[in-house]
Amino acid sequence: MFIPLFFFCCCFSVAEKNKVMLGEENPTADAKRDTTIHLKLAMGKNYITSKDSVVYYYIVNNTTKNYETGTDYHIERKEGNAWIPIKWKGNVWEALGYVLYANDSLEFSFRLKSFKHVFHTGTYRLKKSVVENRKKQNLVLEFKFCSQGK
């Protein structure tokens, strides 16, 4: 009877030590957790190239709130210290609405050929709005465009 109890105590002790090492029950680990809502390019990239005819991006919601968003977005190009809006080829727009739940993400995309702009090496940004409890918030994702693939 002594051996099984000793084995149980050893296993319990190791499991508790692993919890602390993995950040569970560690108050400082929660303080470092990302609690923002933000945009990010798919595939962990921070740039796009001329080979990316379709660009995929996410709205990542690491908050405890639900947000609403649509398919609308805007692209701007940085010239000096100014951001210049890039014009669309047409006036066609999907008017779809989405709910972005707490601790979830949504994937969206855009096509480079949808714009009256020849993308060339430089800094661009994607702007998209979200709404939480009737409060609008603008999200911005800055990225590089590389004419020659990386």
N, C-alpha and C. Protein backbone atom coordinates (compact mmCIF):
# COMPACT_ATOMS: atom_id res chain seq x y z
N MET A 1 0.82 -1.19 0.00
CA MET A 1 0.00 0.00 0.00
C MET A 1 0.86 1.26 0.00
N PHE A 2 2.03 1.18 0.52
CA PHE A 2 2.93 2.33 0.60
C PHE A 2 3.43 2.74 -0.78
N ILE A 3 3.70 1.80 -1.67
CA ILE A 3 4.26 2.10 -2.99
C ILE A 3 3.28 2.86 -3.87
N PRO A 4 2.02 2.45 -4.00
CA PRO A 4 1.10 3.22 -4.85
C PRO A 4 0.90 4.65 -4.36
N LEU A 5 0.82 4.86 -3.06
CA LEU A 5 0.64 6.20 -2.53
C LEU A 5 1.87 7.07 -2.84
N PHE A 6 3.05 6.51 -2.70
CA PHE A 6 4.29 7.22 -3.01
C PHE A 6 4.32 7.60 -4.49
N PHE A 7 3.92 6.68 -5.38
CA PHE A 7 3.88 6.92 -6.82
C PHE A 7 2.91 8.06 -7.15
N PHE A 8 1.72 8.04 -6.53
CA PHE A 8 0.72 9.08 -6.74
C PHE A 8 1.26 10.44 -6.32
N CYS A 9 1.91 10.52 -5.17
CA CYS A 9 2.44 11.80 -4.68
C CYS A 9 3.52 12.34 -5.61
N CYS A 10 4.37 11.45 -6.13
CA CYS A 10 5.42 11.90 -7.06
C CYS A 10 4.81 12.44 -8.35
N CYS A 11 3.83 11.74 -8.89
CA CYS A 11 3.19 12.19 -10.13
C CYS A 11 2.47 13.51 -9.93
N PHE A 12 1.77 13.67 -8.80
CA PHE A 12 1.07 14.91 -8.52
C PHE A 12 2.05 16.06 -8.40
N SER A 13 3.17 15.84 -7.75
CA SER A 13 4.18 16.87 -7.58
C SER A 13 4.76 17.31 -8.92
N VAL A 14 5.05 16.37 -9.83
CA VAL A 14 5.59 16.68 -11.14
C VAL A 14 4.55 17.45 -11.96
N ALA A 15 3.28 17.04 -11.90
CA ALA A 15 2.23 17.72 -12.65
C ALA A 15 2.08 19.16 -12.18
N GLU A 16 2.13 19.40 -10.87
CA GLU A 16 2.02 20.77 -10.36
C GLU A 16 3.21 21.61 -10.80
N LYS A 17 4.39 21.04 -10.80
CA LYS A 17 5.58 21.78 -11.24
C LYS A 17 5.45 22.15 -12.71
N ASN A 18 4.95 21.22 -13.55
CA ASN A 18 4.78 21.50 -14.98
C ASN A 18 3.76 22.60 -15.22
N LYS A 19 2.70 22.66 -14.42
CA LYS A 19 1.70 23.72 -14.56
C LYS A 19 2.35 25.09 -14.41
N VAL A 20 3.16 25.24 -13.39
CA VAL A 20 3.81 26.53 -13.15
C VAL A 20 4.79 26.84 -14.27
N MET A 21 5.52 25.84 -14.75
CA MET A 21 6.49 26.06 -15.81
C MET A 21 5.82 26.44 -17.12
N LEU A 22 4.61 25.91 -17.39
CA LEU A 22 3.90 26.21 -18.63
C LEU A 22 3.13 27.52 -18.56
N GLY A 23 3.11 28.16 -17.41
CA GLY A 23 2.43 29.44 -17.30
C GLY A 23 1.03 29.34 -16.74
N GLU A 24 0.53 28.15 -16.48
CA GLU A 24 -0.78 28.01 -15.87
C GLU A 24 -0.66 28.39 -14.40
N GLU A 25 -1.67 29.02 -13.88
CA GLU A 25 -1.70 29.47 -12.50
C GLU A 25 -0.54 30.41 -12.19
N ASN A 26 -0.03 31.09 -13.21
CA ASN A 26 1.06 32.03 -13.02
C ASN A 26 0.52 33.41 -13.39
N PRO A 27 0.30 34.28 -12.42
CA PRO A 27 -0.34 35.57 -12.72
C PRO A 27 0.46 36.44 -13.68
N THR A 28 1.77 36.31 -13.72
CA THR A 28 2.55 37.13 -14.65
C THR A 28 2.38 36.68 -16.08
N ALA A 29 2.05 35.41 -16.32
CA ALA A 29 1.84 34.92 -17.69
C ALA A 29 0.61 35.58 -18.30
N ASP A 30 -0.46 35.78 -17.53
CA ASP A 30 -1.67 36.42 -18.04
C ASP A 30 -1.42 37.88 -18.37
N ALA A 31 -0.53 38.54 -17.65
CA ALA A 31 -0.24 39.94 -17.91
C ALA A 31 0.42 40.13 -19.27
N LYS A 32 1.09 39.12 -19.80
CA LYS A 32 1.78 39.21 -21.07
C LYS A 32 0.89 38.79 -22.24
N ARG A 33 -0.28 38.28 -21.98
CA ARG A 33 -1.19 37.79 -23.02
C ARG A 33 -1.69 38.97 -23.86
N ASP A 34 -1.72 38.78 -25.18
CA ASP A 34 -2.22 39.80 -26.10
C ASP A 34 -3.73 39.96 -25.90
N THR A 35 -4.17 41.15 -25.58
CA THR A 35 -5.60 41.40 -25.37
C THR A 35 -6.10 42.49 -26.32
N THR A 36 -5.55 42.53 -27.52
CA THR A 36 -5.92 43.56 -28.49
C THR A 36 -6.78 42.98 -29.59
N ILE A 37 -7.35 43.87 -30.37
CA ILE A 37 -7.97 43.50 -31.63
C ILE A 37 -7.13 44.17 -32.70
N HIS A 38 -6.69 43.41 -33.69
CA HIS A 38 -5.78 43.96 -34.69
C HIS A 38 -5.86 43.19 -36.01
N LEU A 39 -5.24 43.75 -37.02
CA LEU A 39 -5.16 43.14 -38.34
C LEU A 39 -3.79 42.48 -38.50
N LYS A 40 -3.75 41.39 -39.26
CA LYS A 40 -2.46 40.79 -39.60
C LYS A 40 -2.58 40.08 -40.93
N LEU A 41 -1.48 40.11 -41.68
CA LEU A 41 -1.44 39.39 -42.95
C LEU A 41 -1.40 37.90 -42.68
N ALA A 42 -1.98 37.13 -43.59
CA ALA A 42 -1.96 35.67 -43.46
C ALA A 42 -0.54 35.15 -43.66
N MET A 43 -0.29 33.99 -43.20
CA MET A 43 0.98 33.28 -43.35
C MET A 43 2.11 33.96 -42.58
N GLY A 44 1.80 34.82 -41.61
CA GLY A 44 2.81 35.45 -40.78
C GLY A 44 3.70 36.43 -41.53
N LYS A 45 3.27 36.87 -42.70
CA LYS A 45 4.08 37.79 -43.51
C LYS A 45 3.87 39.23 -43.05
N ASN A 46 4.85 40.09 -43.35
CA ASN A 46 4.69 41.52 -43.11
C ASN A 46 4.90 42.29 -44.41
N TYR A 47 4.86 41.57 -45.53
CA TYR A 47 5.02 42.18 -46.84
C TYR A 47 4.19 41.38 -47.85
N ILE A 48 3.93 42.01 -49.00
CA ILE A 48 3.32 41.28 -50.11
C ILE A 48 4.17 41.56 -51.35
N THR A 49 4.00 40.73 -52.36
CA THR A 49 4.79 40.88 -53.59
C THR A 49 3.86 40.95 -54.79
N SER A 50 4.44 41.22 -55.94
CA SER A 50 3.66 41.27 -57.17
C SER A 50 3.10 39.90 -57.53
N LYS A 51 3.61 38.84 -56.93
CA LYS A 51 3.09 37.49 -57.16
C LYS A 51 1.80 37.24 -56.37
N ASP A 52 1.52 38.08 -55.37
CA ASP A 52 0.32 37.93 -54.54
C ASP A 52 -0.86 38.64 -55.21
N SER A 53 -1.53 37.98 -56.15
CA SER A 53 -2.65 38.63 -56.81
C SER A 53 -3.82 38.79 -55.84
N VAL A 54 -3.94 37.86 -54.88
CA VAL A 54 -4.94 37.95 -53.82
C VAL A 54 -4.18 38.01 -52.50
N VAL A 55 -4.53 38.98 -51.68
CA VAL A 55 -3.87 39.15 -50.38
C VAL A 55 -4.86 38.76 -49.29
N TYR A 56 -4.47 37.82 -48.45
CA TYR A 56 -5.31 37.36 -47.34
C TYR A 56 -4.84 38.00 -46.05
N TYR A 57 -5.82 38.43 -45.25
CA TYR A 57 -5.50 39.03 -43.95
C TYR A 57 -6.57 38.64 -42.94
N TYR A 58 -6.24 38.80 -41.67
CA TYR A 58 -7.14 38.45 -40.58
C TYR A 58 -7.42 39.65 -39.70
N ILE A 59 -8.62 39.65 -39.12
CA ILE A 59 -8.88 40.47 -37.94
C ILE A 59 -8.77 39.49 -36.78
N VAL A 60 -7.87 39.75 -35.88
CA VAL A 60 -7.66 38.88 -34.72
C VAL A 60 -8.23 39.60 -33.50
N ASN A 61 -9.17 38.96 -32.84
CA ASN A 61 -9.83 39.53 -31.66
C ASN A 61 -9.38 38.76 -30.42
N ASN A 62 -8.41 39.30 -29.72
CA ASN A 62 -7.94 38.67 -28.48
C ASN A 62 -8.57 39.32 -27.25
N THR A 63 -9.71 39.96 -27.45
CA THR A 63 -10.40 40.62 -26.33
C THR A 63 -11.52 39.71 -25.82
N THR A 64 -12.21 40.21 -24.81
CA THR A 64 -13.37 39.48 -24.27
C THR A 64 -14.68 40.03 -24.82
N LYS A 65 -14.59 40.92 -25.82
CA LYS A 65 -15.78 41.56 -26.40
C LYS A 65 -16.04 41.02 -27.80
N ASN A 66 -17.31 41.08 -28.21
CA ASN A 66 -17.70 40.74 -29.58
C ASN A 66 -17.74 42.04 -30.40
N TYR A 67 -17.29 41.96 -31.65
CA TYR A 67 -17.28 43.10 -32.55
C TYR A 67 -18.07 42.77 -33.80
N GLU A 68 -18.46 43.80 -34.53
CA GLU A 68 -19.09 43.65 -35.83
C GLU A 68 -18.21 44.33 -36.85
N THR A 69 -18.18 43.78 -38.04
CA THR A 69 -17.41 44.38 -39.13
C THR A 69 -18.06 44.03 -40.45
N GLY A 70 -17.60 44.67 -41.49
CA GLY A 70 -18.11 44.39 -42.83
C GLY A 70 -16.99 44.01 -43.76
N THR A 71 -17.28 43.96 -45.03
CA THR A 71 -16.27 43.62 -46.03
C THR A 71 -15.49 44.85 -46.48
N ASP A 72 -15.91 46.04 -46.09
CA ASP A 72 -15.25 47.26 -46.54
C ASP A 72 -13.85 47.41 -45.93
N TYR A 73 -12.98 48.04 -46.70
CA TYR A 73 -11.61 48.33 -46.28
C TYR A 73 -11.05 49.39 -47.22
N HIS A 74 -9.93 49.96 -46.86
CA HIS A 74 -9.27 50.96 -47.69
C HIS A 74 -7.77 50.68 -47.69
N ILE A 75 -7.13 50.99 -48.80
CA ILE A 75 -5.68 50.84 -48.93
C ILE A 75 -5.10 52.23 -49.19
N GLU A 76 -3.99 52.53 -48.53
CA GLU A 76 -3.29 53.79 -48.73
C GLU A 76 -1.80 53.52 -48.94
N ARG A 77 -1.15 54.43 -49.68
CA ARG A 77 0.29 54.33 -49.93
C ARG A 77 0.99 55.50 -49.25
N LYS A 78 2.11 55.20 -48.60
CA LYS A 78 2.86 56.25 -47.92
C LYS A 78 3.78 56.95 -48.91
N GLU A 79 3.63 58.26 -48.97
CA GLU A 79 4.50 59.10 -49.81
C GLU A 79 5.02 60.22 -48.94
N GLY A 80 6.30 60.15 -48.58
CA GLY A 80 6.86 61.09 -47.61
C GLY A 80 6.26 60.80 -46.25
N ASN A 81 5.63 61.82 -45.67
CA ASN A 81 4.95 61.64 -44.38
C ASN A 81 3.43 61.54 -44.53
N ALA A 82 2.95 61.53 -45.77
CA ALA A 82 1.51 61.52 -46.03
C ALA A 82 1.05 60.14 -46.50
N TRP A 83 -0.21 59.83 -46.18
CA TRP A 83 -0.85 58.60 -46.66
C TRP A 83 -1.84 58.98 -47.75
N ILE A 84 -1.63 58.44 -48.95
CA ILE A 84 -2.44 58.75 -50.12
C ILE A 84 -3.41 57.58 -50.38
N PRO A 85 -4.73 57.86 -50.38
CA PRO A 85 -5.69 56.77 -50.65
C PRO A 85 -5.53 56.24 -52.07
N ILE A 86 -5.66 54.94 -52.23
CA ILE A 86 -5.61 54.29 -53.54
C ILE A 86 -7.05 54.11 -54.00
N LYS A 87 -7.32 54.52 -55.25
CA LYS A 87 -8.69 54.47 -55.77
C LYS A 87 -9.03 53.10 -56.34
N TRP A 88 -10.31 52.78 -56.22
CA TRP A 88 -10.85 51.54 -56.77
C TRP A 88 -11.06 51.68 -58.27
N LYS A 89 -11.08 50.57 -58.97
CA LYS A 89 -11.40 50.58 -60.40
C LYS A 89 -12.88 50.84 -60.64
N GLY A 90 -13.72 50.36 -59.76
CA GLY A 90 -15.16 50.52 -59.94
C GLY A 90 -15.83 50.87 -58.63
N ASN A 91 -17.13 51.02 -58.68
CA ASN A 91 -17.91 51.35 -57.49
C ASN A 91 -18.72 50.16 -57.00
N VAL A 92 -18.21 48.98 -57.16
CA VAL A 92 -18.92 47.78 -56.73
C VAL A 92 -18.42 47.38 -55.35
N TRP A 93 -19.34 47.10 -54.45
CA TRP A 93 -18.96 46.77 -53.08
C TRP A 93 -19.92 45.73 -52.52
N GLU A 94 -19.38 44.74 -51.85
CA GLU A 94 -20.23 43.79 -51.13
C GLU A 94 -20.60 44.42 -49.80
N ALA A 95 -21.84 44.30 -49.43
CA ALA A 95 -22.29 44.86 -48.16
C ALA A 95 -22.67 43.73 -47.22
N LEU A 96 -21.67 42.99 -46.79
CA LEU A 96 -21.90 41.88 -45.87
C LEU A 96 -21.44 42.28 -44.48
N GLY A 97 -22.15 41.80 -43.48
CA GLY A 97 -21.77 42.07 -42.09
C GLY A 97 -21.37 40.77 -41.40
N TYR A 98 -20.41 40.88 -40.50
CA TYR A 98 -19.91 39.72 -39.76
C TYR A 98 -19.82 40.04 -38.28
N VAL A 99 -19.99 39.02 -37.46
CA VAL A 99 -19.74 39.14 -36.03
C VAL A 99 -18.40 38.49 -35.76
N LEU A 100 -17.54 39.22 -35.08
CA LEU A 100 -16.24 38.70 -34.68
C LEU A 100 -16.31 38.46 -33.18
N TYR A 101 -16.40 37.20 -32.82
CA TYR A 101 -16.57 36.84 -31.41
C TYR A 101 -15.28 36.99 -30.63
N ALA A 102 -15.42 37.12 -29.32
CA ALA A 102 -14.27 37.23 -28.42
C ALA A 102 -13.32 36.06 -28.63
N ASN A 103 -12.04 36.34 -28.61
CA ASN A 103 -10.99 35.33 -28.77
C ASN A 103 -11.15 34.50 -30.04
N ASP A 104 -11.46 35.18 -31.13
CA ASP A 104 -11.64 34.50 -32.42
C ASP A 104 -11.02 35.38 -33.50
N SER A 105 -11.05 34.92 -34.73
CA SER A 105 -10.53 35.72 -35.84
C SER A 105 -11.38 35.46 -37.09
N LEU A 106 -11.31 36.40 -38.03
CA LEU A 106 -11.99 36.27 -39.32
C LEU A 106 -10.98 36.53 -40.42
N GLU A 107 -11.10 35.77 -41.51
CA GLU A 107 -10.20 35.95 -42.65
C GLU A 107 -10.92 36.73 -43.75
N PHE A 108 -10.19 37.68 -44.35
CA PHE A 108 -10.68 38.47 -45.47
C PHE A 108 -9.60 38.49 -46.54
N SER A 109 -9.95 39.02 -47.70
CA SER A 109 -8.95 39.13 -48.77
C SER A 109 -9.27 40.33 -49.65
N PHE A 110 -8.26 40.72 -50.44
CA PHE A 110 -8.47 41.73 -51.47
C PHE A 110 -7.58 41.40 -52.65
N ARG A 111 -7.98 41.88 -53.82
CA ARG A 111 -7.21 41.65 -55.05
C ARG A 111 -6.50 42.93 -55.45
N LEU A 112 -5.23 42.79 -55.79
CA LEU A 112 -4.44 43.96 -56.20
C LEU A 112 -5.02 44.60 -57.45
N LYS A 113 -5.57 43.79 -58.36
CA LYS A 113 -6.09 44.33 -59.62
C LYS A 113 -7.42 45.08 -59.45
N SER A 114 -7.95 45.14 -58.23
CA SER A 114 -9.20 45.87 -57.97
C SER A 114 -8.97 47.38 -57.87
N PHE A 115 -7.71 47.80 -57.92
CA PHE A 115 -7.38 49.21 -57.71
C PHE A 115 -6.84 49.86 -58.97
N LYS A 116 -7.07 51.17 -59.11
CA LYS A 116 -6.50 51.97 -60.20
C LYS A 116 -5.09 52.40 -59.78
N HIS A 117 -4.26 51.44 -59.55
CA HIS A 117 -2.92 51.72 -59.03
C HIS A 117 -1.99 50.59 -59.45
N VAL A 118 -0.82 50.96 -59.88
CA VAL A 118 0.21 49.96 -60.14
C VAL A 118 1.04 49.87 -58.86
N PHE A 119 0.89 48.77 -58.16
CA PHE A 119 1.62 48.61 -56.90
C PHE A 119 3.11 48.50 -57.21
N HIS A 120 3.89 49.28 -56.48
CA HIS A 120 5.34 49.23 -56.62
C HIS A 120 5.97 49.27 -55.22
N THR A 121 7.24 48.97 -55.15
CA THR A 121 7.92 48.87 -53.87
C THR A 121 7.64 50.10 -53.01
N GLY A 122 7.21 49.85 -51.80
CA GLY A 122 6.90 50.95 -50.89
C GLY A 122 6.13 50.47 -49.68
N THR A 123 5.68 51.43 -48.89
CA THR A 123 4.93 51.14 -47.67
C THR A 123 3.46 51.47 -47.92
N TYR A 124 2.61 50.54 -47.55
CA TYR A 124 1.17 50.67 -47.71
C TYR A 124 0.51 50.39 -46.37
N ARG A 125 -0.76 50.71 -46.30
CA ARG A 125 -1.51 50.30 -45.11
C ARG A 125 -2.95 49.96 -45.49
N LEU A 126 -3.47 49.02 -44.76
CA LEU A 126 -4.85 48.55 -44.89
C LEU A 126 -5.61 49.13 -43.70
N LYS A 127 -6.76 49.73 -43.98
CA LYS A 127 -7.60 50.29 -42.92
C LYS A 127 -8.96 49.60 -42.95
N LYS A 128 -9.40 49.17 -41.79
CA LYS A 128 -10.68 48.48 -41.67
C LYS A 128 -11.31 48.88 -40.34
N SER A 129 -12.61 49.03 -40.33
CA SER A 129 -13.29 49.43 -39.09
C SER A 129 -14.04 48.26 -38.47
N VAL A 130 -14.15 48.31 -37.15
CA VAL A 130 -14.95 47.36 -36.38
C VAL A 130 -15.82 48.17 -35.44
N VAL A 131 -16.93 47.58 -35.01
CA VAL A 131 -17.85 48.26 -34.11
C VAL A 131 -18.13 47.36 -32.92
N GLU A 132 -18.05 47.96 -31.74
CA GLU A 132 -18.39 47.24 -30.51
C GLU A 132 -19.32 48.15 -29.70
N ASN A 133 -20.52 47.68 -29.46
CA ASN A 133 -21.50 48.45 -28.69
C ASN A 133 -21.68 49.87 -29.24
N ARG A 134 -21.84 49.96 -30.56
CA ARG A 134 -22.06 51.22 -31.29
C ARG A 134 -20.86 52.16 -31.30
N LYS A 135 -19.70 51.68 -30.86
CA LYS A 135 -18.48 52.49 -30.90
C LYS A 135 -17.59 51.97 -32.02
N LYS A 136 -17.30 52.85 -32.97
CA LYS A 136 -16.48 52.48 -34.12
C LYS A 136 -15.00 52.61 -33.77
N GLN A 137 -14.24 51.64 -34.22
CA GLN A 137 -12.79 51.65 -34.02
C GLN A 137 -12.12 51.32 -35.35
N ASN A 138 -11.13 52.10 -35.73
CA ASN A 138 -10.41 51.84 -36.97
C ASN A 138 -9.15 51.02 -36.69
N LEU A 139 -8.99 49.95 -37.43
CA LEU A 139 -7.81 49.10 -37.32
C LEU A 139 -6.90 49.41 -38.52
N VAL A 140 -5.62 49.41 -38.30
CA VAL A 140 -4.66 49.73 -39.35
C VAL A 140 -3.57 48.68 -39.37
N LEU A 141 -3.23 48.24 -40.57
CA LEU A 141 -2.13 47.28 -40.77
C LEU A 141 -1.18 47.86 -41.79
N GLU A 142 0.02 48.20 -41.37
CA GLU A 142 1.04 48.70 -42.27
C GLU A 142 1.82 47.50 -42.82
N PHE A 143 2.13 47.55 -44.12
CA PHE A 143 2.89 46.46 -44.73
C PHE A 143 3.73 47.00 -45.87
N LYS A 144 4.71 46.23 -46.27
CA LYS A 144 5.59 46.58 -47.39
C LYS A 144 5.12 45.84 -48.64
N PHE A 145 5.27 46.51 -49.77
CA PHE A 145 5.05 45.85 -51.04
C PHE A 145 6.39 45.77 -51.74
N CYS A 146 6.75 44.58 -52.19
CA CYS A 146 8.03 44.35 -52.88
C CYS A 146 7.74 43.97 -54.32
N SER A 147 8.19 44.79 -55.27
CA SER A 147 7.97 44.49 -56.69
C SER A 147 8.66 43.19 -57.09
N GLN A 148 9.83 42.97 -56.59
CA GLN A 148 10.56 41.71 -56.84
C GLN A 148 10.27 40.80 -55.66
N GLY A 149 9.85 39.55 -55.89
CA GLY A 149 9.54 38.61 -54.82
C GLY A 149 10.69 38.44 -53.86
N LYS A 150 10.36 38.23 -52.57
CA LYS A 150 11.40 38.02 -51.55
C LYS A 150 11.74 36.57 -51.45
